[in-house]
Amino acid sequence: MSWIKRHQNLTLILISTLFSAVLVEILLRLVGIGYGNAPIELDQRLHHLHPRNYEFVFYHPGEEFIGHKIFYDEFGYRVKSKNPVLREDNAVRRIAFLGDGFTEANSVSWEQSFVGLIESKNSNLNVRNFGVASYSPVIYLVQINNEVKTFKPTDVVVQIFENDFYDDNEYLKKANTKTLSEIKLVSGGASNIDTVKKIFRHSYLARLVRKVQLQLNNFFLDRINDPSKYFSPYTGILTNEDERKLTYETILQLKDFANKINARIFFFLVPNKQLMMQNQCCESDTLAAEFHNFIESHNLNLIDLPKAFGNYPDQTKLFFEKDVHFNAEGNLVTAEAISNKLRLDE
C-alpha cells in the first residue's frame, strides 16, 4: 500500500493547503497587494540597499498608515512610479538628495514626500532621491563619488539624523580604509538569511504573512514597552564628543567632494522628535545648536530645519506618533525650508 493511500487525510490536508496558498498568491497578485515595510539586501559597496526594480504596498506595523505604493528603480532607489518619466537633461537645476529613511520618506506617498513636493512644484528641476533607510554620511561618501557624480547635480542636499553619529563609527569599521577621502566601499558582508529573504520576497503571500507577524509583534510589544521607544534610540551617543567627531569630519569631506563635481552642497539636521512632541523645539535642542555652530563656523550652507519646525504653530503635528519619521505635514515644512534656502522660486 502506497504512503498516500495510508495517509489519505493528511494528503488531502497538504493538497488543500497548497492549493489555497497558490490561490491566495494569485489573488494577491491580481489585485496588486504585495506588502512591504523596509526590504533590505546586503551589498558589498553600499553596505545595504533596496531590492532593484521592486514595488510594494507600504504598511507600518503599528498601523499608523497603509496603502500607498513604493517603487524602487534598477539601482534600488525610490522613484515616483514604476516607469517614471524622465525630465529633460537641460533642466536648469539638478538636485541630488542624500539621506536615510527621512529622505527616502517611505512613510508617505511620493507626492507627499519633500523630494516629491519639490519636484512637483518646480518644472525646471530634475531631482534624484538617493535616500536609503539607515544610511549615514560615511556611506554618502561612496554615493557622491559614484551615482551622485553620474547624475551631474548642480546642488546636493544632505540630511543628517542624530543616529548618524553612531552609525558612521560602525560603517567605518566595514569600509575599505579608515581614510575618509579614500573610501570606495562599505561592505555589508554576506548572510544565508539574506538569501532566503530574497527568495521569499518574490511571494506576495509570504509578504502578507510577514506583515501579520510584525503587526502582532508590535501589538504585544506596545503593551509592555515604554512610549519613549518611538523616539530616537541613540540619545546617549550625543554625550560622547569623540563619537560625534567622525560625522563632522565626514561632512567636511562631502563638501570637498561636492566641489570636485561642481555642485553646491547644503546640510540640514532632523529636529528632535521628543522635544517636538512636547512643543519644546528647538531652543533646548543641544545637538541642533551644536550642528548649527559647526556648519556656520566652516562656512557651509545650512538649511535650518529646527528653526522652521520650531516656528510651526503645533509642533506635535509634524511627526507620526509611533513612526519616527516626518508625516505629510512635516514633509511639507521640510520642502518649504529647502526651497527657500535653495531659492527654487526665483
C-alpha atoms as a PDB file:
ATOM      1  CA  MET A   1       0.000   0.000   0.000  1.00  0.00           C
ATOM      2  CA  SER A   2       1.379   3.415  -1.016  1.00  0.00           C
ATOM      3  CA  TRP A   3       2.117   6.159   1.507  1.00  0.00           C
ATOM      4  CA  ILE A   4      -0.657   8.328   0.015  1.00  0.00           C
ATOM      5  CA  LYS A   5      -3.297   5.631   0.456  1.00  0.00           C
ATOM      6  CA  ARG A   6      -2.159   5.006   4.025  1.00  0.00           C
ATOM      7  CA  HIS A   7      -2.371   8.718   4.865  1.00  0.00           C
ATOM      8  CA  GLN A   8      -5.321   9.910   2.838  1.00  0.00           C
ATOM      9  CA  ASN A   9      -6.473  12.532   5.332  1.00  0.00           C
ATOM     10  CA  LEU A  10      -3.006  14.023   5.679  1.00  0.00           C
ATOM     11  CA  THR A  11      -2.557  14.018   1.912  1.00  0.00           C
ATOM     12  CA  LEU A  12      -5.873  15.804   1.469  1.00  0.00           C
ATOM     13  CA  ILE A  13      -4.859  18.453   4.017  1.00  0.00           C
ATOM     14  CA  LEU A  14      -1.498  19.013   2.317  1.00  0.00           C
ATOM     15  CA  ILE A  15      -3.019  19.292  -1.151  1.00  0.00           C
ATOM     16  CA  SER A  16      -5.760  21.630   0.083  1.00  0.00           C
ATOM     17  CA  THR A  17      -3.213  23.819   1.867  1.00  0.00           C
ATOM     18  CA  LEU A  18      -1.007  24.007  -1.225  1.00  0.00           C
ATOM     19  CA  PHE A  19      -3.988  24.803  -3.450  1.00  0.00           C
ATOM     20  CA  SER A  20      -5.167  27.534  -1.047  1.00  0.00           C
ATOM     21  CA  ALA A  21      -1.688  29.055  -0.894  1.00  0.00           C
ATOM     22  CA  VAL A  22      -1.440  29.163  -4.681  1.00  0.00           C
ATOM     23  CA  LEU A  23      -4.917  30.645  -4.951  1.00  0.00           C
ATOM     24  CA  VAL A  24      -4.172  33.376  -2.383  1.00  0.00           C
ATOM     25  CA  GLU A  25      -0.875  34.153  -4.137  1.00  0.00           C
ATOM     26  CA  ILE A  26      -2.678  34.556  -7.461  1.00  0.00           C
ATOM     27  CA  LEU A  27      -5.417  36.744  -5.950  1.00  0.00           C
ATOM     28  CA  LEU A  28      -2.905  38.997  -4.189  1.00  0.00           C
ATOM     29  CA  ARG A  29      -1.004  39.485  -7.439  1.00  0.00           C
ATOM     30  CA  LEU A  30      -4.177  40.201  -9.401  1.00  0.00           C
ATOM     31  CA  VAL A  31      -5.163  42.997  -7.030  1.00  0.00           C
ATOM     32  CA  GLY A  32      -1.553  44.209  -6.694  1.00  0.00           C
ATOM     33  CA  ILE A  33      -1.266  43.762  -2.940  1.00  0.00           C
ATOM     34  CA  GLY A  34       2.346  42.883  -2.240  1.00  0.00           C
ATOM     35  CA  TYR A  35       3.011  44.290   1.205  1.00  0.00           C
ATOM     36  CA  GLY A  36       6.382  45.567   2.356  1.00  0.00           C
ATOM     37  CA  ASN A  37       7.924  47.655   5.098  1.00  0.00           C
ATOM     38  CA  ALA A  38      11.686  48.066   4.758  1.00  0.00           C
ATOM     39  CA  PRO A  39      13.078  45.493   2.297  1.00  0.00           C
ATOM     40  CA  ILE A  40      16.869  45.495   2.568  1.00  0.00           C
ATOM     41  CA  GLU A  41      19.572  43.441   0.860  1.00  0.00           C
ATOM     42  CA  LEU A  42      23.240  43.318   1.839  1.00  0.00           C
ATOM     43  CA  ASP A  43      25.656  44.985  -0.576  1.00  0.00           C
ATOM     44  CA  GLN A  44      29.426  44.894  -0.939  1.00  0.00           C
ATOM     45  CA  ARG A  45      29.734  48.564  -1.923  1.00  0.00           C
ATOM     46  CA  LEU A  46      26.988  50.445  -0.041  1.00  0.00           C
ATOM     47  CA  HIS A  47      26.601  48.038   2.905  1.00  0.00           C
ATOM     48  CA  HIS A  48      22.924  47.540   2.093  1.00  0.00           C
ATOM     49  CA  LEU A  49      20.377  48.675  -0.450  1.00  0.00           C
ATOM     50  CA  HIS A  50      16.808  48.060  -1.500  1.00  0.00           C
ATOM     51  CA  PRO A  51      15.792  45.354  -3.982  1.00  0.00           C
ATOM     52  CA  ARG A  52      16.201  46.560  -7.555  1.00  0.00           C
ATOM     53  CA  ASN A  53      13.141  47.000  -9.806  1.00  0.00           C
ATOM     54  CA  TYR A  54      10.861  46.287  -6.849  1.00  0.00           C
ATOM     55  CA  GLU A  55       7.472  47.565  -5.736  1.00  0.00           C
ATOM     56  CA  PHE A  56       5.232  47.020  -2.732  1.00  0.00           C
ATOM     57  CA  VAL A  57       2.310  48.396  -0.757  1.00  0.00           C
ATOM     58  CA  PHE A  58       3.788  50.117   2.289  1.00  0.00           C
ATOM     59  CA  TYR A  59       2.471  49.487   5.779  1.00  0.00           C
ATOM     60  CA  HIS A  60       3.505  50.321   9.334  1.00  0.00           C
ATOM     61  CA  PRO A  61       3.462  47.504  11.943  1.00  0.00           C
ATOM     62  CA  GLY A  62       1.683  49.878  14.328  1.00  0.00           C
ATOM     63  CA  GLU A  63      -0.954  50.506  11.632  1.00  0.00           C
ATOM     64  CA  GLU A  64      -0.339  54.260  11.569  1.00  0.00           C
ATOM     65  CA  PHE A  65      -0.550  54.211   7.787  1.00  0.00           C
ATOM     66  CA  ILE A  66      -1.009  51.739   4.950  1.00  0.00           C
ATOM     67  CA  GLY A  67      -1.902  51.747   1.310  1.00  0.00           C
ATOM     68  CA  HIS A  68       0.497  53.822  -0.786  1.00  0.00           C
ATOM     69  CA  LYS A  69       2.848  52.127  -3.213  1.00  0.00           C
ATOM     70  CA  ILE A  70       6.626  52.329  -3.118  1.00  0.00           C
ATOM     71  CA  PHE A  71       8.713  51.871  -6.262  1.00  0.00           C
ATOM     72  CA  TYR A  72      12.469  51.197  -6.478  1.00  0.00           C
ATOM     73  CA  ASP A  73      14.377  51.590  -9.734  1.00  0.00           C
ATOM     74  CA  GLU A  74      17.119  49.447 -11.275  1.00  0.00           C
ATOM     75  CA  PHE A  75      19.583  50.775  -8.681  1.00  0.00           C
ATOM     76  CA  GLY A  76      17.334  50.255  -5.649  1.00  0.00           C
ATOM     77  CA  TYR A  77      16.465  53.943  -5.133  1.00  0.00           C
ATOM     78  CA  ARG A  78      12.960  55.255  -4.613  1.00  0.00           C
ATOM     79  CA  VAL A  79      11.241  56.764  -7.655  1.00  0.00           C
ATOM     80  CA  LYS A  80       7.821  58.234  -8.341  1.00  0.00           C
ATOM     81  CA  SER A  81       6.360  55.321 -10.287  1.00  0.00           C
ATOM     82  CA  LYS A  82       7.217  52.013 -11.916  1.00  0.00           C
ATOM     83  CA  ASN A  83       8.250  53.676 -15.161  1.00  0.00           C
ATOM     84  CA  PRO A  84       8.907  57.314 -14.228  1.00  0.00           C
ATOM     85  CA  VAL A  85       9.010  59.887 -16.995  1.00  0.00           C
ATOM     86  CA  LEU A  86      12.486  61.393 -17.004  1.00  0.00           C
ATOM     87  CA  ARG A  87      12.709  65.133 -17.325  1.00  0.00           C
ATOM     88  CA  GLU A  88      14.880  66.692 -19.990  1.00  0.00           C
ATOM     89  CA  ASP A  89      18.618  66.796 -19.355  1.00  0.00           C
ATOM     90  CA  ASN A  90      18.601  70.536 -19.988  1.00  0.00           C
ATOM     91  CA  ALA A  91      16.854  71.227 -16.663  1.00  0.00           C
ATOM     92  CA  VAL A  92      18.097  74.444 -15.071  1.00  0.00           C
ATOM     93  CA  ARG A  93      18.759  72.763 -11.704  1.00  0.00           C
ATOM     94  CA  ARG A  94      19.619  69.150 -10.924  1.00  0.00           C
ATOM     95  CA  ILE A  95      19.254  68.335  -7.230  1.00  0.00           C
ATOM     96  CA  ALA A  96      20.560  65.159  -5.582  1.00  0.00           C
ATOM     97  CA  PHE A  97      19.170  64.289  -2.142  1.00  0.00           C
ATOM     98  CA  LEU A  98      21.289  62.197   0.234  1.00  0.00           C
ATOM     99  CA  GLY A  99      19.831  60.854   3.452  1.00  0.00           C
ATOM    100  CA  ASP A 100      18.308  57.929   5.312  1.00  0.00           C
ATOM    101  CA  GLY A 101      14.659  56.977   5.846  1.00  0.00           C
ATOM    102  CA  PHE A 102      13.655  60.623   6.356  1.00  0.00           C
ATOM    103  CA  THR A 103      14.792  61.476   2.827  1.00  0.00           C
ATOM    104  CA  GLU A 104      13.544  58.242   1.310  1.00  0.00           C
ATOM    105  CA  ALA A 105      10.242  59.004   3.070  1.00  0.00           C
ATOM    106  CA  ASN A 106       8.503  55.667   2.581  1.00  0.00           C
ATOM    107  CA  SER A 107       6.104  56.601   5.390  1.00  0.00           C
ATOM    108  CA  VAL A 108       4.249  58.877   2.977  1.00  0.00           C
ATOM    109  CA  SER A 109       3.368  58.724  -0.706  1.00  0.00           C
ATOM    110  CA  TRP A 110       5.830  60.126  -3.247  1.00  0.00           C
ATOM    111  CA  GLU A 111       3.572  63.128  -3.780  1.00  0.00           C
ATOM    112  CA  GLN A 112       3.662  63.878  -0.025  1.00  0.00           C
ATOM    113  CA  SER A 113       7.426  63.421   0.395  1.00  0.00           C
ATOM    114  CA  PHE A 114       9.584  66.551   0.459  1.00  0.00           C
ATOM    115  CA  VAL A 115      11.501  65.367  -2.612  1.00  0.00           C
ATOM    116  CA  GLY A 116       8.231  64.723  -4.462  1.00  0.00           C
ATOM    117  CA  LEU A 117       6.793  68.074  -3.374  1.00  0.00           C
ATOM    118  CA  ILE A 118       9.865  69.955  -4.597  1.00  0.00           C
ATOM    119  CA  GLU A 119       9.733  68.078  -7.889  1.00  0.00           C
ATOM    120  CA  SER A 120       6.030  68.752  -8.483  1.00  0.00           C
ATOM    121  CA  LYS A 121       6.275  72.485  -7.746  1.00  0.00           C
ATOM    122  CA  ASN A 122       9.323  73.147  -9.945  1.00  0.00           C
ATOM    123  CA  SER A 123       9.023  72.030 -13.556  1.00  0.00           C
ATOM    124  CA  ASN A 124      12.533  73.259 -14.336  1.00  0.00           C
ATOM    125  CA  LEU A 125      14.117  70.855 -11.837  1.00  0.00           C
ATOM    126  CA  ASN A 126      15.484  67.361 -12.217  1.00  0.00           C
ATOM    127  CA  VAL A 127      15.587  65.674  -8.801  1.00  0.00           C
ATOM    128  CA  ARG A 128      17.029  62.352  -7.650  1.00  0.00           C
ATOM    129  CA  ASN A 129      16.281  60.702  -4.325  1.00  0.00           C
ATOM    130  CA  PHE A 130      19.354  58.760  -3.170  1.00  0.00           C
ATOM    131  CA  GLY A 131      17.986  58.284   0.346  1.00  0.00           C
ATOM    132  CA  VAL A 132      18.057  54.768   1.805  1.00  0.00           C
ATOM    133  CA  ALA A 133      16.981  53.657   5.276  1.00  0.00           C
ATOM    134  CA  SER A 134      19.849  53.590   7.810  1.00  0.00           C
ATOM    135  CA  TYR A 135      22.375  55.305   5.550  1.00  0.00           C
ATOM    136  CA  SER A 136      24.730  57.862   7.091  1.00  0.00           C
ATOM    137  CA  PRO A 137      27.472  60.258   5.899  1.00  0.00           C
ATOM    138  CA  VAL A 138      30.197  57.592   5.605  1.00  0.00           C
ATOM    139  CA  ILE A 139      28.056  55.828   3.001  1.00  0.00           C
ATOM    140  CA  TYR A 140      27.262  59.175   1.345  1.00  0.00           C
ATOM    141  CA  LEU A 141      30.998  59.417   0.576  1.00  0.00           C
ATOM    142  CA  VAL A 142      30.668  56.329  -1.626  1.00  0.00           C
ATOM    143  CA  GLN A 143      27.470  57.610  -3.244  1.00  0.00           C
ATOM    144  CA  ILE A 144      28.746  61.105  -4.055  1.00  0.00           C
ATOM    145  CA  ASN A 145      31.719  59.678  -5.951  1.00  0.00           C
ATOM    146  CA  ASN A 146      29.583  57.259  -7.941  1.00  0.00           C
ATOM    147  CA  GLU A 147      25.843  57.550  -8.612  1.00  0.00           C
ATOM    148  CA  VAL A 148      25.593  61.164  -7.474  1.00  0.00           C
ATOM    149  CA  LYS A 149      28.559  62.145  -9.627  1.00  0.00           C
ATOM    150  CA  THR A 150      26.983  60.370 -12.619  1.00  0.00           C
ATOM    151  CA  PHE A 151      23.758  62.344 -12.064  1.00  0.00           C
ATOM    152  CA  LYS A 152      25.773  65.592 -12.517  1.00  0.00           C
ATOM    153  CA  PRO A 153      23.902  67.655  -9.907  1.00  0.00           C
ATOM    154  CA  THR A 154      24.029  71.408  -9.601  1.00  0.00           C
ATOM    155  CA  ASP A 155      23.018  71.031  -5.945  1.00  0.00           C
ATOM    156  CA  VAL A 156      23.333  68.297  -3.304  1.00  0.00           C
ATOM    157  CA  VAL A 157      21.097  68.300  -0.214  1.00  0.00           C
ATOM    158  CA  VAL A 158      22.354  66.182   2.690  1.00  0.00           C
ATOM    159  CA  GLN A 159      20.082  65.176   5.570  1.00  0.00           C
ATOM    160  CA  ILE A 160      21.612  64.351   8.960  1.00  0.00           C
ATOM    161  CA  PHE A 161      19.893  62.448  11.776  1.00  0.00           C
ATOM    162  CA  GLU A 162      21.253  62.009  15.291  1.00  0.00           C
ATOM    163  CA  ASN A 163      21.827  58.263  14.890  1.00  0.00           C
ATOM    164  CA  ASP A 164      24.345  59.079  12.127  1.00  0.00           C
ATOM    165  CA  PHE A 165      26.867  59.917  14.830  1.00  0.00           C
ATOM    166  CA  TYR A 166      26.717  56.292  15.956  1.00  0.00           C
ATOM    167  CA  ASP A 167      26.256  54.627  12.557  1.00  0.00           C
ATOM    168  CA  ASP A 168      29.242  56.373  10.975  1.00  0.00           C
ATOM    169  CA  ASN A 169      31.571  54.781  13.514  1.00  0.00           C
ATOM    170  CA  GLU A 170      30.105  51.354  12.768  1.00  0.00           C
ATOM    171  CA  TYR A 171      30.217  51.758   8.990  1.00  0.00           C
ATOM    172  CA  LEU A 172      33.808  52.992   9.067  1.00  0.00           C
ATOM    173  CA  LYS A 173      34.827  49.633  10.562  1.00  0.00           C
ATOM    174  CA  LYS A 174      33.489  47.967   7.410  1.00  0.00           C
ATOM    175  CA  ALA A 175      34.986  50.426   4.916  1.00  0.00           C
ATOM    176  CA  ASN A 176      37.968  49.587   2.706  1.00  0.00           C
ATOM    177  CA  THR A 177      40.028  52.224   4.581  1.00  0.00           C
ATOM    178  CA  LYS A 178      39.791  54.498   7.585  1.00  0.00           C
ATOM    179  CA  THR A 179      40.935  57.460   5.466  1.00  0.00           C
ATOM    180  CA  LEU A 180      37.706  59.292   4.580  1.00  0.00           C
ATOM    181  CA  SER A 181      38.961  60.691   1.266  1.00  0.00           C
ATOM    182  CA  GLU A 182      39.848  57.181   0.060  1.00  0.00           C
ATOM    183  CA  ILE A 183      36.697  55.264   0.992  1.00  0.00           C
ATOM    184  CA  LYS A 184      35.458  53.313  -2.020  1.00  0.00           C
ATOM    185  CA  LEU A 185      33.117  50.833  -0.358  1.00  0.00           C
ATOM    186  CA  VAL A 186      31.430  49.871   2.892  1.00  0.00           C
ATOM    187  CA  SER A 187      30.945  46.119   2.894  1.00  0.00           C
ATOM    188  CA  GLY A 188      27.699  44.621   4.113  1.00  0.00           C
ATOM    189  CA  GLY A 189      29.144  41.111   4.297  1.00  0.00           C
ATOM    190  CA  ALA A 190      27.151  38.019   3.369  1.00  0.00           C
ATOM    191  CA  SER A 191      24.306  36.144   5.011  1.00  0.00           C
ATOM    192  CA  ASN A 192      22.378  32.963   4.250  1.00  0.00           C
ATOM    193  CA  ILE A 193      19.335  34.558   5.889  1.00  0.00           C
ATOM    194  CA  ASP A 194      19.580  37.435   3.415  1.00  0.00           C
ATOM    195  CA  THR A 195      19.460  34.926   0.546  1.00  0.00           C
ATOM    196  CA  VAL A 196      16.360  33.266   1.989  1.00  0.00           C
ATOM    197  CA  LYS A 197      14.685  36.665   2.389  1.00  0.00           C
ATOM    198  CA  LYS A 198      15.355  37.460  -1.271  1.00  0.00           C
ATOM    199  CA  ILE A 199      13.593  34.262  -2.310  1.00  0.00           C
ATOM    200  CA  PHE A 200      10.540  34.769  -0.091  1.00  0.00           C
ATOM    201  CA  ARG A 201      10.311  38.420  -1.154  1.00  0.00           C
ATOM    202  CA  HIS A 202       9.053  37.237  -4.541  1.00  0.00           C
ATOM    203  CA  SER A 203       5.957  35.767  -2.901  1.00  0.00           C
ATOM    204  CA  TYR A 204       3.048  38.099  -2.160  1.00  0.00           C
ATOM    205  CA  LEU A 205       1.664  35.517   0.274  1.00  0.00           C
ATOM    206  CA  ALA A 206       4.965  35.413   2.201  1.00  0.00           C
ATOM    207  CA  ARG A 207       4.887  39.203   2.377  1.00  0.00           C
ATOM    208  CA  LEU A 208       1.336  39.088   3.792  1.00  0.00           C
ATOM    209  CA  VAL A 209       2.366  36.548   6.432  1.00  0.00           C
ATOM    210  CA  ARG A 210       5.336  38.724   7.384  1.00  0.00           C
ATOM    211  CA  LYS A 211       3.055  41.758   7.673  1.00  0.00           C
ATOM    212  CA  VAL A 212       0.726  39.927  10.076  1.00  0.00           C
ATOM    213  CA  GLN A 213       3.709  38.703  12.104  1.00  0.00           C
ATOM    214  CA  LEU A 214       5.173  42.197  12.523  1.00  0.00           C
ATOM    215  CA  GLN A 215       1.805  43.685  13.428  1.00  0.00           C
ATOM    216  CA  LEU A 216       1.237  41.030  16.094  1.00  0.00           C
ATOM    217  CA  ASN A 217       4.727  41.638  17.494  1.00  0.00           C
ATOM    218  CA  ASN A 218       4.071  45.363  17.572  1.00  0.00           C
ATOM    219  CA  PHE A 219       0.694  44.863  19.259  1.00  0.00           C
ATOM    220  CA  PHE A 220       2.145  42.851  22.142  1.00  0.00           C
ATOM    221  CA  LEU A 221       5.294  44.972  22.483  1.00  0.00           C
ATOM    222  CA  ASP A 222       3.154  48.106  22.699  1.00  0.00           C
ATOM    223  CA  ARG A 223       1.642  46.717  25.882  1.00  0.00           C
ATOM    224  CA  ILE A 224       4.960  46.298  27.671  1.00  0.00           C
ATOM    225  CA  ASN A 225       7.285  48.914  26.170  1.00  0.00           C
ATOM    226  CA  ASP A 226       7.862  52.470  27.293  1.00  0.00           C
ATOM    227  CA  PRO A 227       6.379  55.100  24.916  1.00  0.00           C
ATOM    228  CA  SER A 228       9.866  56.604  24.570  1.00  0.00           C
ATOM    229  CA  LYS A 229      10.714  53.798  22.144  1.00  0.00           C
ATOM    230  CA  TYR A 230       9.037  55.943  19.480  1.00  0.00           C
ATOM    231  CA  PHE A 231      11.855  58.466  19.784  1.00  0.00           C
ATOM    232  CA  SER A 232      15.451  58.051  18.695  1.00  0.00           C
ATOM    233  CA  PRO A 233      17.261  55.081  20.317  1.00  0.00           C
ATOM    234  CA  TYR A 234      20.648  56.818  20.161  1.00  0.00           C
ATOM    235  CA  THR A 235      20.178  59.703  22.573  1.00  0.00           C
ATOM    236  CA  GLY A 236      23.077  58.513  24.741  1.00  0.00           C
ATOM    237  CA  ILE A 237      25.558  58.887  21.913  1.00  0.00           C
ATOM    238  CA  LEU A 238      25.131  62.657  21.970  1.00  0.00           C
ATOM    239  CA  THR A 239      27.134  62.905  25.163  1.00  0.00           C
ATOM    240  CA  ASN A 240      30.207  61.370  23.509  1.00  0.00           C
ATOM    241  CA  GLU A 241      32.171  64.083  21.719  1.00  0.00           C
ATOM    242  CA  ASP A 242      34.635  61.625  20.172  1.00  0.00           C
ATOM    243  CA  GLU A 243      31.773  59.688  18.570  1.00  0.00           C
ATOM    244  CA  ARG A 244      30.381  62.847  17.005  1.00  0.00           C
ATOM    245  CA  LYS A 245      33.753  63.959  15.625  1.00  0.00           C
ATOM    246  CA  LEU A 246      33.768  61.421  12.789  1.00  0.00           C
ATOM    247  CA  THR A 247      30.458  62.582  11.360  1.00  0.00           C
ATOM    248  CA  TYR A 248      31.563  66.207  11.358  1.00  0.00           C
ATOM    249  CA  GLU A 249      34.805  65.250   9.595  1.00  0.00           C
ATOM    250  CA  THR A 250      32.770  63.293   7.035  1.00  0.00           C
ATOM    251  CA  ILE A 251      30.564  66.331   6.393  1.00  0.00           C
ATOM    252  CA  LEU A 252      33.676  68.373   5.537  1.00  0.00           C
ATOM    253  CA  GLN A 253      34.838  65.613   3.208  1.00  0.00           C
ATOM    254  CA  LEU A 254      31.454  65.630   1.479  1.00  0.00           C
ATOM    255  CA  LYS A 255      31.910  69.361   0.912  1.00  0.00           C
ATOM    256  CA  ASP A 256      35.286  68.712  -0.747  1.00  0.00           C
ATOM    257  CA  PHE A 257      33.828  66.020  -3.000  1.00  0.00           C
ATOM    258  CA  ALA A 258      30.903  68.294  -3.946  1.00  0.00           C
ATOM    259  CA  ASN A 259      33.388  70.981  -5.007  1.00  0.00           C
ATOM    260  CA  LYS A 260      35.115  68.468  -7.269  1.00  0.00           C
ATOM    261  CA  ILE A 261      31.874  67.727  -9.141  1.00  0.00           C
ATOM    262  CA  ASN A 262      30.995  71.435  -9.310  1.00  0.00           C
ATOM    263  CA  ALA A 263      27.929  71.139  -7.097  1.00  0.00           C
ATOM    264  CA  ARG A 264      26.739  73.322  -4.232  1.00  0.00           C
ATOM    265  CA  ILE A 265      26.067  71.304  -1.113  1.00  0.00           C
ATOM    266  CA  PHE A 266      23.548  72.014   1.650  1.00  0.00           C
ATOM    267  CA  PHE A 267      23.047  70.318   5.028  1.00  0.00           C
ATOM    268  CA  PHE A 268      20.119  70.021   7.400  1.00  0.00           C
ATOM    269  CA  LEU A 269      19.569  68.232  10.702  1.00  0.00           C
ATOM    270  CA  VAL A 270      16.352  66.422  11.606  1.00  0.00           C
ATOM    271  CA  PRO A 271      14.814  68.146  14.671  1.00  0.00           C
ATOM    272  CA  ASN A 272      14.499  66.297  17.961  1.00  0.00           C
ATOM    273  CA  LYS A 273      11.180  64.428  17.859  1.00  0.00           C
ATOM    274  CA  GLN A 274      10.888  64.098  21.631  1.00  0.00           C
ATOM    275  CA  LEU A 275      11.059  67.875  22.029  1.00  0.00           C
ATOM    276  CA  MET A 276       8.704  68.365  19.096  1.00  0.00           C
ATOM    277  CA  MET A 277       6.058  66.128  20.632  1.00  0.00           C
ATOM    278  CA  GLN A 278       6.180  68.351  23.725  1.00  0.00           C
ATOM    279  CA  ASN A 279       6.058  71.577  21.672  1.00  0.00           C
ATOM    280  CA  GLN A 280       9.506  72.458  23.022  1.00  0.00           C
ATOM    281  CA  CYS A 281      11.555  72.584  19.835  1.00  0.00           C
ATOM    282  CA  CYS A 282      14.114  73.751  19.399  1.00  0.00           C
ATOM    283  CA  GLU A 283      15.811  76.184  21.803  1.00  0.00           C
ATOM    284  CA  SER A 284      16.754  73.338  24.172  1.00  0.00           C
ATOM    285  CA  ASP A 285      17.940  71.023  21.376  1.00  0.00           C
ATOM    286  CA  THR A 286      21.658  70.882  22.187  1.00  0.00           C
ATOM    287  CA  LEU A 287      22.541  68.842  19.097  1.00  0.00           C
ATOM    288  CA  ALA A 288      20.759  71.294  16.815  1.00  0.00           C
ATOM    289  CA  ALA A 289      22.690  74.163  18.390  1.00  0.00           C
ATOM    290  CA  GLU A 290      25.992  72.315  18.065  1.00  0.00           C
ATOM    291  CA  PHE A 291      25.262  71.374  14.459  1.00  0.00           C
ATOM    292  CA  HIS A 292      24.267  74.949  13.615  1.00  0.00           C
ATOM    293  CA  ASN A 293      27.500  76.294  15.085  1.00  0.00           C
ATOM    294  CA  PHE A 294      29.601  73.708  13.265  1.00  0.00           C
ATOM    295  CA  ILE A 295      28.035  74.448   9.873  1.00  0.00           C
ATOM    296  CA  GLU A 296      28.408  78.200  10.295  1.00  0.00           C
ATOM    297  CA  SER A 297      31.972  78.026  11.617  1.00  0.00           C
ATOM    298  CA  HIS A 298      33.021  76.133   8.478  1.00  0.00           C
ATOM    299  CA  ASN A 299      31.087  78.373   6.077  1.00  0.00           C
ATOM    300  CA  LEU A 300      28.817  75.566   4.936  1.00  0.00           C
ATOM    301  CA  ASN A 301      25.287  76.004   3.614  1.00  0.00           C
ATOM    302  CA  LEU A 302      22.743  75.351   6.368  1.00  0.00           C
ATOM    303  CA  ILE A 303      19.073  74.596   5.883  1.00  0.00           C
ATOM    304  CA  ASP A 304      17.802  75.455   9.362  1.00  0.00           C
ATOM    305  CA  LEU A 305      15.061  72.862   9.712  1.00  0.00           C
ATOM    306  CA  PRO A 306      14.903  73.006  13.551  1.00  0.00           C
ATOM    307  CA  LYS A 307      14.073  76.712  13.209  1.00  0.00           C
ATOM    308  CA  ALA A 308      11.385  76.017  10.597  1.00  0.00           C
ATOM    309  CA  PHE A 309       9.856  73.281  12.759  1.00  0.00           C
ATOM    310  CA  GLY A 310      10.144  75.428  15.880  1.00  0.00           C
ATOM    311  CA  ASN A 311       8.127  78.187  14.191  1.00  0.00           C
ATOM    312  CA  TYR A 312       5.287  75.811  13.338  1.00  0.00           C
ATOM    313  CA  PRO A 313       2.141  76.531  15.420  1.00  0.00           C
ATOM    314  CA  ASP A 314       1.674  72.955  16.650  1.00  0.00           C
ATOM    315  CA  GLN A 315       4.942  71.030  16.532  1.00  0.00           C
ATOM    316  CA  THR A 316       3.259  67.745  17.505  1.00  0.00           C
ATOM    317  CA  LYS A 317       1.640  67.628  14.064  1.00  0.00           C
ATOM    318  CA  LEU A 318       4.915  67.221  12.124  1.00  0.00           C
ATOM    319  CA  PHE A 319       5.847  63.652  13.116  1.00  0.00           C
ATOM    320  CA  PHE A 320       3.910  60.419  13.205  1.00  0.00           C
ATOM    321  CA  GLU A 321       3.055  59.392  16.734  1.00  0.00           C
ATOM    322  CA  LYS A 322       4.749  55.972  16.532  1.00  0.00           C
ATOM    323  CA  ASP A 323       6.827  56.007  13.389  1.00  0.00           C
ATOM    324  CA  VAL A 324      10.000  58.048  13.894  1.00  0.00           C
ATOM    325  CA  HIS A 325       9.704  59.911  10.584  1.00  0.00           C
ATOM    326  CA  PHE A 326       8.003  63.083   9.366  1.00  0.00           C
ATOM    327  CA  ASN A 327       4.338  62.810   8.459  1.00  0.00           C
ATOM    328  CA  ALA A 328       2.887  64.603   5.416  1.00  0.00           C
ATOM    329  CA  GLU A 329       2.843  67.977   7.162  1.00  0.00           C
ATOM    330  CA  GLY A 330       6.429  67.530   8.349  1.00  0.00           C
ATOM    331  CA  ASN A 331       7.489  66.761   4.798  1.00  0.00           C
ATOM    332  CA  LEU A 332       5.706  69.884   3.582  1.00  0.00           C
ATOM    333  CA  VAL A 333       7.529  72.122   6.073  1.00  0.00           C
ATOM    334  CA  THR A 334      10.813  70.454   5.084  1.00  0.00           C
ATOM    335  CA  ALA A 335      10.142  71.029   1.373  1.00  0.00           C
ATOM    336  CA  GLU A 336       9.427  74.718   2.040  1.00  0.00           C
ATOM    337  CA  ALA A 337      12.609  75.143   4.104  1.00  0.00           C
ATOM    338  CA  ILE A 338      14.731  73.542   1.372  1.00  0.00           C
ATOM    339  CA  SER A 339      13.032  75.518  -1.397  1.00  0.00           C
ATOM    340  CA  ASN A 340      13.581  78.799   0.454  1.00  0.00           C
ATOM    341  CA  LYS A 341      17.262  78.112   1.108  1.00  0.00           C
ATOM    342  CA  LEU A 342      17.939  76.976  -2.460  1.00  0.00           C
ATOM    343  CA  ARG A 343      15.786  79.824  -3.799  1.00  0.00           C
ATOM    344  CA  LEU A 344      13.902  77.497  -6.078  1.00  0.00           C
ATOM    345  CA  ASP A 345      11.114  80.007  -6.671  1.00  0.00           C
ATOM    346  CA  GLU A 346      13.444  82.550  -8.262  1.00  0.00           C
END
